[in-house]
């Protein structure tokens, strides 16, 4: 699993607990380790934010905007090897979409979403 890159004001442990609670009922069969899959999604999403310049190296906000379509592709690539055999790609993409909705809610809760 890739290391967790910095994001100022973001508590990955708290996010994981909240996300797993909300995702568990619908996606329990997606992986034998849903908390681990969720943790990998958090790490992959934050890594994507760093790679695309939304976050700077120190975890502070960067100059670029979040591109959800590209994020879905990046997360699909990162998570595909972690899901149970025989899992359909549409189910994984639905998980990622729901994960990103929860991520948006959590970022807003933490005050990490810039004003539009």
PDB file of N, CA and C in Angstrom:
ATOM      1  N   UNK A   1       0.847  -1.176   0.000  1.00  0.00           N
ATOM      2  CA  UNK A   1       0.000   0.000   0.000  1.00  0.00           C
ATOM      3  C   UNK A   1       0.890   1.237   0.000  1.00  0.00           C
ATOM      4  N   UNK A   2       0.495   2.225  -0.761  1.00  0.00           N
ATOM      5  CA  UNK A   2       1.300   3.437  -0.852  1.00  0.00           C
ATOM      6  C   UNK A   2       1.243   4.223   0.454  1.00  0.00           C
ATOM      7  N   UNK A   3       2.285   5.007   0.733  1.00  0.00           N
ATOM      8  CA  UNK A   3       2.287   5.796   1.978  1.00  0.00           C
ATOM      9  C   UNK A   3       1.242   6.902   1.920  1.00  0.00           C
ATOM     10  N   UNK A   4       0.796   7.311   3.084  1.00  0.00           N
ATOM     11  CA  UNK A   4      -0.160   8.412   3.162  1.00  0.00           C
ATOM     12  C   UNK A   4       0.606   9.722   3.041  1.00  0.00           C
ATOM     13  N   UNK A   5       0.341  10.449   1.979  1.00  0.00           N
ATOM     14  CA  UNK A   5       0.965  11.760   1.790  1.00  0.00           C
ATOM     15  C   UNK A   5       0.228  12.779   2.645  1.00  0.00           C
ATOM     16  N   UNK A   6       0.889  13.884   2.961  1.00  0.00           N
ATOM     17  CA  UNK A   6       0.264  14.852   3.863  1.00  0.00           C
ATOM     18  C   UNK A   6      -0.889  15.627   3.235  1.00  0.00           C
ATOM     19  N   UNK A   7      -1.874  15.916   4.073  1.00  0.00           N
ATOM     20  CA  UNK A   7      -2.966  16.825   3.731  1.00  0.00           C
ATOM     21  C   UNK A   7      -3.338  17.527   5.023  1.00  0.00           C
ATOM     22  N   UNK A   8      -2.979  18.788   5.097  1.00  0.00           N
ATOM     23  CA  UNK A   8      -3.200  19.546   6.334  1.00  0.00           C
ATOM     24  C   UNK A   8      -4.667  19.548   6.742  1.00  0.00           C
ATOM     25  N   UNK A   9      -4.899  19.209   8.018  1.00  0.00           N
ATOM     26  CA  UNK A   9      -6.242  19.239   8.579  1.00  0.00           C
ATOM     27  C   UNK A   9      -7.065  17.993   8.316  1.00  0.00           C
ATOM     28  N   UNK A  10      -6.464  16.974   7.682  1.00  0.00           N
ATOM     29  CA  UNK A  10      -7.202  15.751   7.322  1.00  0.00           C
ATOM     30  C   UNK A  10      -6.773  14.626   8.247  1.00  0.00           C
ATOM     31  N   UNK A  11      -7.735  14.006   8.911  1.00  0.00           N
ATOM     32  CA  UNK A  11      -7.466  12.887   9.809  1.00  0.00           C
ATOM     33  C   UNK A  11      -7.899  11.599   9.100  1.00  0.00           C
ATOM     34  N   UNK A  12      -6.936  10.899   8.503  1.00  0.00           N
ATOM     35  CA  UNK A  12      -7.236   9.708   7.707  1.00  0.00           C
ATOM     36  C   UNK A  12      -7.860   8.605   8.549  1.00  0.00           C
ATOM     37  N   UNK A  13      -7.462   8.467   9.800  1.00  0.00           N
ATOM     38  CA  UNK A  13      -8.035   7.432  10.659  1.00  0.00           C
ATOM     39  C   UNK A  13      -9.517   7.707  10.930  1.00  0.00           C
ATOM     40  N   UNK A  14      -9.827   8.954  11.252  1.00  0.00           N
ATOM     41  CA  UNK A  14     -11.222   9.333  11.490  1.00  0.00           C
ATOM     42  C   UNK A  14     -12.049   9.149  10.213  1.00  0.00           C
ATOM     43  N   UNK A  15     -11.508   9.589   9.077  1.00  0.00           N
ATOM     44  CA  UNK A  15     -12.216   9.461   7.801  1.00  0.00           C
ATOM     45  C   UNK A  15     -12.508   7.993   7.505  1.00  0.00           C
ATOM     46  N   UNK A  16     -11.514   7.142   7.705  1.00  0.00           N
ATOM     47  CA  UNK A  16     -11.705   5.711   7.428  1.00  0.00           C
ATOM     48  C   UNK A  16     -12.852   5.136   8.255  1.00  0.00           C
ATOM     49  N   UNK A  17     -12.887   5.440   9.534  1.00  0.00           N
ATOM     50  CA  UNK A  17     -13.948   4.922  10.408  1.00  0.00           C
ATOM     51  C   UNK A  17     -15.318   5.396   9.929  1.00  0.00           C
ATOM     52  N   UNK A  18     -15.432   6.683   9.629  1.00  0.00           N
ATOM     53  CA  UNK A  18     -16.709   7.229   9.172  1.00  0.00           C
ATOM     54  C   UNK A  18     -17.129   6.634   7.835  1.00  0.00           C
ATOM     55  N   UNK A  19     -16.181   6.511   6.915  1.00  0.00           N
ATOM     56  CA  UNK A  19     -16.499   6.011   5.576  1.00  0.00           C
ATOM     57  C   UNK A  19     -16.920   4.546   5.629  1.00  0.00           C
ATOM     58  N   UNK A  20     -16.200   3.729   6.395  1.00  0.00           N
ATOM     59  CA  UNK A  20     -16.516   2.299   6.460  1.00  0.00           C
ATOM     60  C   UNK A  20     -17.924   2.100   7.021  1.00  0.00           C
ATOM     61  N   UNK A  21     -18.284   2.883   8.026  1.00  0.00           N
ATOM     62  CA  UNK A  21     -19.636   2.778   8.587  1.00  0.00           C
ATOM     63  C   UNK A  21     -20.701   3.023   7.523  1.00  0.00           C
ATOM     64  N   UNK A  22     -20.462   4.013   6.677  1.00  0.00           N
ATOM     65  CA  UNK A  22     -21.449   4.385   5.660  1.00  0.00           C
ATOM     66  C   UNK A  22     -21.413   3.464   4.442  1.00  0.00           C
ATOM     67  N   UNK A  23     -20.245   2.898   4.134  1.00  0.00           N
ATOM     68  CA  UNK A  23     -20.101   2.065   2.941  1.00  0.00           C
ATOM     69  C   UNK A  23     -20.358   0.583   3.208  1.00  0.00           C
ATOM     70  N   UNK A  24     -20.207   0.151   4.432  1.00  0.00           N
ATOM     71  CA  UNK A  24     -20.259  -1.284   4.763  1.00  0.00           C
ATOM     72  C   UNK A  24     -21.484  -2.030   4.254  1.00  0.00           C
ATOM     73  N   UNK A  25     -22.674  -1.539   4.508  1.00  0.00           N
ATOM     74  CA  UNK A  25     -23.838  -2.343   4.121  1.00  0.00           C
ATOM     75  C   UNK A  25     -23.881  -2.677   2.628  1.00  0.00           C
ATOM     76  N   UNK A  26     -23.591  -1.711   1.806  1.00  0.00           N
ATOM     77  CA  UNK A  26     -23.729  -1.913   0.365  1.00  0.00           C
ATOM     78  C   UNK A  26     -22.537  -2.621  -0.272  1.00  0.00           C
ATOM     79  N   UNK A  27     -21.357  -2.453   0.296  1.00  0.00           N
ATOM     80  CA  UNK A  27     -20.148  -2.936  -0.373  1.00  0.00           C
ATOM     81  C   UNK A  27     -19.398  -4.022   0.403  1.00  0.00           C
ATOM     82  N   UNK A  28     -20.077  -4.682   1.311  1.00  0.00           N
ATOM     83  CA  UNK A  28     -19.415  -5.710   2.126  1.00  0.00           C
ATOM     84  C   UNK A  28     -18.785  -6.799   1.261  1.00  0.00           C
ATOM     85  N   UNK A  29     -19.377  -7.144   0.125  1.00  0.00           N
ATOM     86  CA  UNK A  29     -18.845  -8.205  -0.727  1.00  0.00           C
ATOM     87  C   UNK A  29     -17.775  -7.753  -1.701  1.00  0.00           C
ATOM     88  N   UNK A  30     -17.485  -6.484  -1.723  1.00  0.00           N
ATOM     89  CA  UNK A  30     -16.500  -5.950  -2.661  1.00  0.00           C
ATOM     90  C   UNK A  30     -15.091  -6.417  -2.323  1.00  0.00           C
ATOM     91  N   UNK A  31     -14.821  -6.547  -1.039  1.00  0.00           N
ATOM     92  CA  UNK A  31     -13.494  -6.951  -0.584  1.00  0.00           C
ATOM     93  C   UNK A  31     -13.638  -7.672   0.746  1.00  0.00           C
ATOM     94  N   UNK A  32     -12.736  -8.607   1.003  1.00  0.00           N
ATOM     95  CA  UNK A  32     -12.737  -9.276   2.309  1.00  0.00           C
ATOM     96  C   UNK A  32     -12.295  -8.313   3.402  1.00  0.00           C
ATOM     97  N   UNK A  33     -11.642  -7.229   3.012  1.00  0.00           N
ATOM     98  CA  UNK A  33     -11.130  -6.235   3.954  1.00  0.00           C
ATOM     99  C   UNK A  33     -11.616  -4.848   3.536  1.00  0.00           C
ATOM    100  N   UNK A  34     -12.894  -4.555   3.781  1.00  0.00           N
ATOM    101  CA  UNK A  34     -13.449  -3.260   3.393  1.00  0.00           C
ATOM    102  C   UNK A  34     -12.726  -2.089   4.066  1.00  0.00           C
ATOM    103  N   UNK A  35     -12.362  -2.196   5.357  1.00  0.00           N
ATOM    104  CA  UNK A  35     -11.575  -1.099   5.933  1.00  0.00           C
ATOM    105  C   UNK A  35     -10.246  -0.888   5.195  1.00  0.00           C
ATOM    106  N   UNK A  36      -9.579  -1.969   4.822  1.00  0.00           N
ATOM    107  CA  UNK A  36      -8.324  -1.847   4.079  1.00  0.00           C
ATOM    108  C   UNK A  36      -8.531  -1.238   2.711  1.00  0.00           C
ATOM    109  N   UNK A  37      -9.621  -1.613   2.038  1.00  0.00           N
ATOM    110  CA  UNK A  37      -9.936  -1.038   0.728  1.00  0.00           C
ATOM    111  C   UNK A  37     -10.243   0.453   0.859  1.00  0.00           C
ATOM    112  N   UNK A  38     -10.957   0.805   1.914  1.00  0.00           N
ATOM    113  CA  UNK A  38     -11.280   2.213   2.159  1.00  0.00           C
ATOM    114  C   UNK A  38     -10.012   3.006   2.465  1.00  0.00           C
ATOM    115  N   UNK A  39      -9.135   2.434   3.274  1.00  0.00           N
ATOM    116  CA  UNK A  39      -7.854   3.078   3.587  1.00  0.00           C
ATOM    117  C   UNK A  39      -7.029   3.282   2.311  1.00  0.00           C
ATOM    118  N   UNK A  40      -7.025   2.271   1.437  1.00  0.00           N
ATOM    119  CA  UNK A  40      -6.305   2.384   0.167  1.00  0.00           C
ATOM    120  C   UNK A  40      -6.929   3.468  -0.706  1.00  0.00           C
ATOM    121  N   UNK A  41      -8.257   3.603  -0.673  1.00  0.00           N
ATOM    122  CA  UNK A  41      -8.923   4.651  -1.455  1.00  0.00           C
ATOM    123  C   UNK A  41      -8.530   6.036  -0.944  1.00  0.00           C
ATOM    124  N   UNK A  42      -8.476   6.191   0.371  1.00  0.00           N
ATOM    125  CA  UNK A  42      -8.071   7.482   0.955  1.00  0.00           C
ATOM    126  C   UNK A  42      -6.650   7.823   0.510  1.00  0.00           C
ATOM    127  N   UNK A  43      -5.742   6.868   0.624  1.00  0.00           N
ATOM    128  CA  UNK A  43      -4.348   7.099   0.248  1.00  0.00           C
ATOM    129  C   UNK A  43      -4.224   7.406  -1.240  1.00  0.00           C
ATOM    130  N   UNK A  44      -4.947   6.654  -2.067  1.00  0.00           N
ATOM    131  CA  UNK A  44      -4.881   6.875  -3.515  1.00  0.00           C
ATOM    132  C   UNK A  44      -5.454   8.230  -3.898  1.00  0.00           C
ATOM    133  N   UNK A  45      -6.540   8.649  -3.231  1.00  0.00           N
ATOM    134  CA  UNK A  45      -7.147   9.943  -3.548  1.00  0.00           C
ATOM    135  C   UNK A  45      -6.220  11.088  -3.146  1.00  0.00           C
ATOM    136  N   UNK A  46      -5.627  11.001  -1.971  1.00  0.00           N
ATOM    137  CA  UNK A  46      -4.705  12.053  -1.543  1.00  0.00           C
ATOM    138  C   UNK A  46      -3.462  12.061  -2.434  1.00  0.00           C
ATOM    139  N   UNK A  47      -2.972  10.883  -2.821  1.00  0.00           N
ATOM    140  CA  UNK A  47      -1.837  10.821  -3.757  1.00  0.00           C
ATOM    141  C   UNK A  47      -2.212  11.479  -5.080  1.00  0.00           C
ATOM    142  N   UNK A  48      -3.432  11.217  -5.561  1.00  0.00           N
ATOM    143  CA  UNK A  48      -3.908  11.849  -6.801  1.00  0.00           C
ATOM    144  C   UNK A  48      -3.913  13.369  -6.654  1.00  0.00           C
ATOM    145  N   UNK A  49      -4.360  13.860  -5.508  1.00  0.00           N
ATOM    146  CA  UNK A  49      -4.389  15.312  -5.280  1.00  0.00           C
ATOM    147  C   UNK A  49      -2.979  15.892  -5.335  1.00  0.00           C
ATOM    148  N   UNK A  50      -2.010  15.155  -4.823  1.00  0.00           N
ATOM    149  CA  UNK A  50      -0.623  15.611  -4.888  1.00  0.00           C
ATOM    150  C   UNK A  50      -0.110  15.582  -6.328  1.00  0.00           C
ATOM    151  N   UNK A  51      -0.364  14.478  -7.027  1.00  0.00           N
ATOM    152  CA  UNK A  51       0.134  14.313  -8.397  1.00  0.00           C
ATOM    153  C   UNK A  51      -0.425  15.358  -9.346  1.00  0.00           C
ATOM    154  N   UNK A  52      -1.644  15.794  -9.110  1.00  0.00           N
ATOM    155  CA  UNK A  52      -2.287  16.744 -10.013  1.00  0.00           C
ATOM    156  C   UNK A  52      -2.154  18.195  -9.563  1.00  0.00           C
ATOM    157  N   UNK A  53      -1.430  18.431  -8.480  1.00  0.00           N
ATOM    158  CA  UNK A  53      -1.183  19.798  -8.036  1.00  0.00           C
ATOM    159  C   UNK A  53      -2.307  20.423  -7.234  1.00  0.00           C
ATOM    160  N   UNK A  54      -3.278  19.630  -6.833  1.00  0.00           N
ATOM    161  CA  UNK A  54      -4.308  20.176  -5.964  1.00  0.00           C
ATOM    162  C   UNK A  54      -3.761  20.388  -4.557  1.00  0.00           C
ATOM    163  N   UNK A  55      -2.793  19.531  -4.190  1.00  0.00           N
ATOM    164  CA  UNK A  55      -2.090  19.677  -2.923  1.00  0.00           C
ATOM    165  C   UNK A  55      -0.602  19.860  -3.196  1.00  0.00           C
ATOM    166  N   UNK A  56       0.020  20.699  -2.387  1.00  0.00           N
ATOM    167  CA  UNK A  56       1.468  20.870  -2.478  1.00  0.00           C
ATOM    168  C   UNK A  56       2.159  19.754  -1.686  1.00  0.00           C
ATOM    169  N   UNK A  57       3.454  19.673  -1.839  1.00  0.00           N
ATOM    170  CA  UNK A  57       4.242  18.630  -1.170  1.00  0.00           C
ATOM    171  C   UNK A  57       4.035  18.614   0.337  1.00  0.00           C
ATOM    172  N   UNK A  58       3.864  19.794   0.941  1.00  0.00           N
ATOM    173  CA  UNK A  58       3.696  19.881   2.391  1.00  0.00           C
ATOM    174  C   UNK A  58       2.253  19.630   2.851  1.00  0.00           C
ATOM    175  N   UNK A  59       1.352  19.372   1.890  1.00  0.00           N
ATOM    176  CA  UNK A  59      -0.040  19.090   2.228  1.00  0.00           C
ATOM    177  C   UNK A  59      -0.943  20.294   2.216  1.00  0.00           C
ATOM    178  N   UNK A  60      -0.393  21.451   1.914  1.00  0.00           N
ATOM    179  CA  UNK A  60      -1.217  22.655   1.819  1.00  0.00           C
ATOM    180  C   UNK A  60      -1.894  22.695   0.441  1.00  0.00           C
ATOM    181  N   UNK A  61      -2.960  23.487   0.308  1.00  0.00           N
ATOM    182  CA  UNK A  61      -3.664  23.549  -0.971  1.00  0.00           C
ATOM    183  C   UNK A  61      -2.744  24.024  -2.100  1.00  0.00           C
ATOM    184  N   UNK A  62      -2.890  23.390  -3.239  1.00  0.00           N
ATOM    185  CA  UNK A  62      -2.131  23.759  -4.423  1.00  0.00           C
ATOM    186  C   UNK A  62      -2.966  24.598  -5.360  1.00  0.00           C
ATOM    187  N   UNK A  63      -2.407  24.957  -6.513  1.00  0.00           N
ATOM    188  CA  UNK A  63      -3.095  25.857  -7.428  1.00  0.00           C
ATOM    189  C   UNK A  63      -4.155  25.192  -8.315  1.00  0.00           C
ATOM    190  N   UNK A  64      -4.131  23.876  -8.435  1.00  0.00           N
ATOM    191  CA  UNK A  64      -5.010  23.212  -9.384  1.00  0.00           C
ATOM    192  C   UNK A  64      -6.317  22.752  -8.747  1.00  0.00           C
ATOM    193  N   UNK A  65      -7.309  22.566  -9.589  1.00  0.00           N
ATOM    194  CA  UNK A  65      -8.626  22.112  -9.148  1.00  0.00           C
ATOM    195  C   UNK A  65      -8.729  20.593  -9.264  1.00  0.00           C
ATOM    196  N   UNK A  66      -9.595  20.017  -8.470  1.00  0.00           N
ATOM    197  CA  UNK A  66      -9.835  18.578  -8.466  1.00  0.00           C
ATOM    198  C   UNK A  66     -10.578  18.184  -9.740  1.00  0.00           C
ATOM    199  N   UNK A  67     -10.120  17.115 -10.374  1.00  0.00           N
ATOM    200  CA  UNK A  67     -10.757  16.616 -11.597  1.00  0.00           C
ATOM    201  C   UNK A  67     -11.315  15.227 -11.311  1.00  0.00           C
ATOM    202  N   UNK A  68     -12.612  15.171 -11.020  1.00  0.00           N
ATOM    203  CA  UNK A  68     -13.227  13.930 -10.556  1.00  0.00           C
ATOM    204  C   UNK A  68     -13.132  12.799 -11.583  1.00  0.00           C
ATOM    205  N   UNK A  69     -13.289  13.095 -12.864  1.00  0.00           N
ATOM    206  CA  UNK A  69     -13.201  12.038 -13.883  1.00  0.00           C
ATOM    207  C   UNK A  69     -11.831  11.364 -13.853  1.00  0.00           C
ATOM    208  N   UNK A  70     -10.783  12.177 -13.749  1.00  0.00           N
ATOM    209  CA  UNK A  70      -9.432  11.614 -13.680  1.00  0.00           C
ATOM    210  C   UNK A  70      -9.202  10.892 -12.358  1.00  0.00           C
ATOM    211  N   UNK A  71      -9.811  11.397 -11.289  1.00  0.00           N
ATOM    212  CA  UNK A  71      -9.691  10.752  -9.979  1.00  0.00           C
ATOM    213  C   UNK A  71     -10.314   9.357 -10.014  1.00  0.00           C
ATOM    214  N   UNK A  72     -11.467   9.232 -10.658  1.00  0.00           N
ATOM    215  CA  UNK A  72     -12.125   7.922 -10.746  1.00  0.00           C
ATOM    216  C   UNK A  72     -11.228   6.934 -11.476  1.00  0.00           C
ATOM    217  N   UNK A  73     -10.594   7.371 -12.560  1.00  0.00           N
ATOM    218  CA  UNK A  73      -9.672   6.487 -13.289  1.00  0.00           C
ATOM    219  C   UNK A  73      -8.490   6.087 -12.413  1.00  0.00           C
ATOM    220  N   UNK A  74      -7.908   7.055 -11.715  1.00  0.00           N
ATOM    221  CA  UNK A  74      -6.747   6.773 -10.859  1.00  0.00           C
ATOM    222  C   UNK A  74      -7.121   5.823  -9.721  1.00  0.00           C
ATOM    223  N   UNK A  75      -8.262   6.051  -9.109  1.00  0.00           N
ATOM    224  CA  UNK A  75      -8.699   5.193  -8.005  1.00  0.00           C
ATOM    225  C   UNK A  75      -9.054   3.791  -8.507  1.00  0.00           C
ATOM    226  N   UNK A  76      -9.646   3.703  -9.674  1.00  0.00           N
ATOM    227  CA  UNK A  76      -9.955   2.385 -10.239  1.00  0.00           C
ATOM    228  C   UNK A  76      -8.671   1.591 -10.439  1.00  0.00           C
ATOM    229  N   UNK A  77      -7.661   2.230 -11.020  1.00  0.00           N
ATOM    230  CA  UNK A  77      -6.369   1.555 -11.217  1.00  0.00           C
ATOM    231  C   UNK A  77      -5.748   1.126  -9.887  1.00  0.00           C
ATOM    232  N   UNK A  78      -5.844   1.984  -8.884  1.00  0.00           N
ATOM    233  CA  UNK A  78      -5.226   1.695  -7.586  1.00  0.00           C
ATOM    234  C   UNK A  78      -5.965   0.603  -6.821  1.00  0.00           C
ATOM    235  N   UNK A  79      -7.288   0.551  -6.941  1.00  0.00           N
ATOM    236  CA  UNK A  79      -8.088  -0.354  -6.112  1.00  0.00           C
ATOM    237  C   UNK A  79      -8.406  -1.683  -6.778  1.00  0.00           C
ATOM    238  N   UNK A  80      -8.364  -1.730  -8.091  1.00  0.00           N
ATOM    239  CA  UNK A  80      -8.724  -2.959  -8.817  1.00  0.00           C
ATOM    240  C   UNK A  80      -8.017  -4.200  -8.267  1.00  0.00           C
ATOM    241  N   UNK A  81      -6.696  -4.131  -7.994  1.00  0.00           N
ATOM    242  CA  UNK A  81      -6.020  -5.336  -7.477  1.00  0.00           C
ATOM    243  C   UNK A  81      -6.461  -5.743  -6.072  1.00  0.00           C
ATOM    244  N   UNK A  82      -7.170  -4.882  -5.363  1.00  0.00           N
ATOM    245  CA  UNK A  82      -7.532  -5.151  -3.972  1.00  0.00           C
ATOM    246  C   UNK A  82      -8.933  -5.720  -3.793  1.00  0.00           C
ATOM    247  N   UNK A  83      -9.731  -5.722  -4.844  1.00  0.00           N
ATOM    248  CA  UNK A  83     -11.106  -6.196  -4.702  1.00  0.00           C
ATOM    249  C   UNK A  83     -11.173  -7.706  -4.908  1.00  0.00           C
ATOM    250  N   UNK A  84     -12.248  -8.295  -4.441  1.00  0.00           N
ATOM    251  CA  UNK A  84     -12.432  -9.741  -4.551  1.00  0.00           C
ATOM    252  C   UNK A  84     -12.495 -10.156  -6.014  1.00  0.00           C
ATOM    253  N   UNK A  85     -11.980 -11.340  -6.288  1.00  0.00           N
ATOM    254  CA  UNK A  85     -12.039 -11.891  -7.659  1.00  0.00           C
ATOM    255  C   UNK A  85     -13.490 -11.953  -8.108  1.00  0.00           C
ATOM    256  N   UNK A  86     -13.699 -11.665  -9.373  1.00  0.00           N
ATOM    257  CA  UNK A  86     -15.041 -11.726  -9.931  1.00  0.00           C
ATOM    258  C   UNK A  86     -15.873 -10.479  -9.686  1.00  0.00           C
ATOM    259  N   UNK A  87     -15.303  -9.489  -9.001  1.00  0.00           N
ATOM    260  CA  UNK A  87     -16.024  -8.248  -8.757  1.00  0.00           C
ATOM    261  C   UNK A  87     -16.131  -7.476 -10.060  1.00  0.00           C
ATOM    262  N   UNK A  88     -17.309  -6.986 -10.349  1.00  0.00           N
ATOM    263  CA  UNK A  88     -17.501  -6.248 -11.594  1.00  0.00           C
ATOM    264  C   UNK A  88     -16.907  -4.848 -11.476  1.00  0.00           C
ATOM    265  N   UNK A  89     -16.407  -4.360 -12.589  1.00  0.00           N
ATOM    266  CA  UNK A  89     -15.856  -3.001 -12.621  1.00  0.00           C
ATOM    267  C   UNK A  89     -16.937  -1.971 -12.289  1.00  0.00           C
ATOM    268  N   UNK A  90     -18.173  -2.130 -12.801  1.00  0.00           N
ATOM    269  CA  UNK A  90     -19.201  -1.148 -12.422  1.00  0.00           C
ATOM    270  C   UNK A  90     -19.436  -1.057 -10.908  1.00  0.00           C
ATOM    271  N   UNK A  91     -19.348  -2.197 -10.199  1.00  0.00           N
ATOM    272  CA  UNK A  91     -19.508  -2.153  -8.740  1.00  0.00           C
ATOM    273  C   UNK A  91     -18.363  -1.383  -8.098  1.00  0.00           C
ATOM    274  N   UNK A  92     -17.148  -1.591  -8.575  1.00  0.00           N
ATOM    275  CA  UNK A  92     -16.001  -0.862  -8.048  1.00  0.00           C
ATOM    276  C   UNK A  92     -16.146   0.635  -8.332  1.00  0.00           C
ATOM    277  N   UNK A  93     -16.586   0.979  -9.517  1.00  0.00           N
ATOM    278  CA  UNK A  93     -16.756   2.402  -9.865  1.00  0.00           C
ATOM    279  C   UNK A  93     -17.860   3.031  -9.014  1.00  0.00           C
ATOM    280  N   UNK A  94     -18.921   2.284  -8.724  1.00  0.00           N
ATOM    281  CA  UNK A  94     -19.972   2.799  -7.849  1.00  0.00           C
ATOM    282  C   UNK A  94     -19.421   3.036  -6.440  1.00  0.00           C
ATOM    283  N   UNK A  95     -18.584   2.084  -5.951  1.00  0.00           N
ATOM    284  CA  UNK A  95     -17.927   2.259  -4.656  1.00  0.00           C
ATOM    285  C   UNK A  95     -17.087   3.542  -4.663  1.00  0.00           C
ATOM    286  N   UNK A  96     -16.301   3.728  -5.721  1.00  0.00           N
ATOM    287  CA  UNK A  96     -15.435   4.902  -5.812  1.00  0.00           C
ATOM    288  C   UNK A  96     -16.274   6.178  -5.845  1.00  0.00           C
ATOM    289  N   UNK A  97     -17.343   6.172  -6.597  1.00  0.00           N
ATOM    290  CA  UNK A  97     -18.213   7.343  -6.662  1.00  0.00           C
ATOM    291  C   UNK A  97     -18.799   7.672  -5.289  1.00  0.00           C
ATOM    292  N   UNK A  98     -19.278   6.645  -4.585  1.00  0.00           N
ATOM    293  CA  UNK A  98     -19.811   6.866  -3.233  1.00  0.00           C
ATOM    294  C   UNK A  98     -18.705   7.303  -2.274  1.00  0.00           C
ATOM    295  N   UNK A  99     -17.527   6.711  -2.412  1.00  0.00           N
ATOM    296  CA  UNK A  99     -16.382   7.110  -1.593  1.00  0.00           C
ATOM    297  C   UNK A  99     -16.074   8.593  -1.818  1.00  0.00           C
ATOM    298  N   UNK A 100     -16.042   9.021  -3.080  1.00  0.00           N
ATOM    299  CA  UNK A 100     -15.723  10.420  -3.379  1.00  0.00           C
ATOM    300  C   UNK A 100     -16.781  11.366  -2.825  1.00  0.00           C
ATOM    301  N   UNK A 101     -18.047  10.952  -2.830  1.00  0.00           N
ATOM    302  CA  UNK A 101     -19.096  11.769  -2.200  1.00  0.00           C
ATOM    303  C   UNK A 101     -18.830  11.921  -0.706  1.00  0.00           C
ATOM    304  N   UNK A 102     -18.465  10.816  -0.045  1.00  0.00           N
ATOM    305  CA  UNK A 102     -18.150  10.878   1.383  1.00  0.00           C
ATOM    306  C   UNK A 102     -16.903  11.720   1.637  1.00  0.00           C
ATOM    307  N   UNK A 103     -15.930  11.586   0.749  1.00  0.00           N
ATOM    308  CA  UNK A 103     -14.699  12.376   0.861  1.00  0.00           C
ATOM    309  C   UNK A 103     -15.039  13.867   0.783  1.00  0.00           C
ATOM    310  N   UNK A 104     -15.902  14.243  -0.154  1.00  0.00           N
ATOM    311  CA  UNK A 104     -16.327  15.645  -0.285  1.00  0.00           C
ATOM    312  C   UNK A 104     -16.993  16.132   1.000  1.00  0.00           C
ATOM    313  N   UNK A 105     -17.893  15.299   1.548  1.00  0.00           N
ATOM    314  CA  UNK A 105     -18.568  15.668   2.801  1.00  0.00           C
ATOM    315  C   UNK A 105     -17.563  15.852   3.928  1.00  0.00           C
ATOM    316  N   UNK A 106     -16.608  14.927   4.018  1.00  0.00           N
ATOM    317  CA  UNK A 106     -15.618  15.003   5.095  1.00  0.00           C
ATOM    318  C   UNK A 106     -14.719  16.223   4.934  1.00  0.00           C
ATOM    319  N   UNK A 107     -14.299  16.500   3.705  1.00  0.00           N
ATOM    320  CA  UNK A 107     -13.450  17.672   3.461  1.00  0.00           C
ATOM    321  C   UNK A 107     -14.190  18.951   3.825  1.00  0.00           C
ATOM    322  N   UNK A 108     -15.477  19.020   3.499  1.00  0.00           N
ATOM    323  CA  UNK A 108     -16.291  20.196   3.863  1.00  0.00           C
ATOM    324  C   UNK A 108     -16.417  20.302   5.384  1.00  0.00           C
ATOM    325  N   UNK A 109     -16.654  19.172   6.042  1.00  0.00           N
ATOM    326  CA  UNK A 109     -16.762  19.134   7.494  1.00  0.00           C
ATOM    327  C   UNK A 109     -15.486  19.664   8.162  1.00  0.00           C
ATOM    328  N   UNK A 110     -14.337  19.304   7.587  1.00  0.00           N
ATOM    329  CA  UNK A 110     -13.035  19.729   8.123  1.00  0.00           C
ATOM    330  C   UNK A 110     -12.652  21.143   7.705  1.00  0.00           C
ATOM    331  N   UNK A 111     -13.480  21.757   6.862  1.00  0.00           N
ATOM    332  CA  UNK A 111     -13.170  23.099   6.384  1.00  0.00           C
ATOM    333  C   UNK A 111     -12.048  23.120   5.347  1.00  0.00           C
ATOM    334  N   UNK A 112     -11.891  22.020   4.615  1.00  0.00           N
ATOM    335  CA  UNK A 112     -10.794  21.904   3.667  1.00  0.00           C
ATOM    336  C   UNK A 112     -11.221  22.123   2.214  1.00  0.00           C
ATOM    337  N   UNK A 113     -12.493  22.449   2.002  1.00  0.00           N
ATOM    338  CA  UNK A 113     -12.973  22.716   0.659  1.00  0.00           C
ATOM    339  C   UNK A 113     -12.910  24.220   0.447  1.00  0.00           C
ATOM    340  N   UNK A 114     -12.180  24.670  -0.586  1.00  0.00           N
ATOM    341  CA  UNK A 114     -12.089  26.110  -0.812  1.00  0.00           C
ATOM    342  C   UNK A 114     -13.446  26.714  -1.202  1.00  0.00           C
ATOM    343  N   UNK A 115     -13.631  27.955  -0.842  1.00  0.00           N
ATOM    344  CA  UNK A 115     -14.859  28.657  -1.235  1.00  0.00           C
ATOM    345  C   UNK A 115     -14.873  28.830  -2.753  1.00  0.00           C
ATOM    346  N   UNK A 116     -16.030  28.637  -3.341  1.00  0.00           N
ATOM    347  CA  UNK A 116     -16.166  28.775  -4.802  1.00  0.00           C
ATOM    348  C   UNK A 116     -16.372  30.225  -5.171  1.00  0.00           C
TER     349      UNK A 116
END
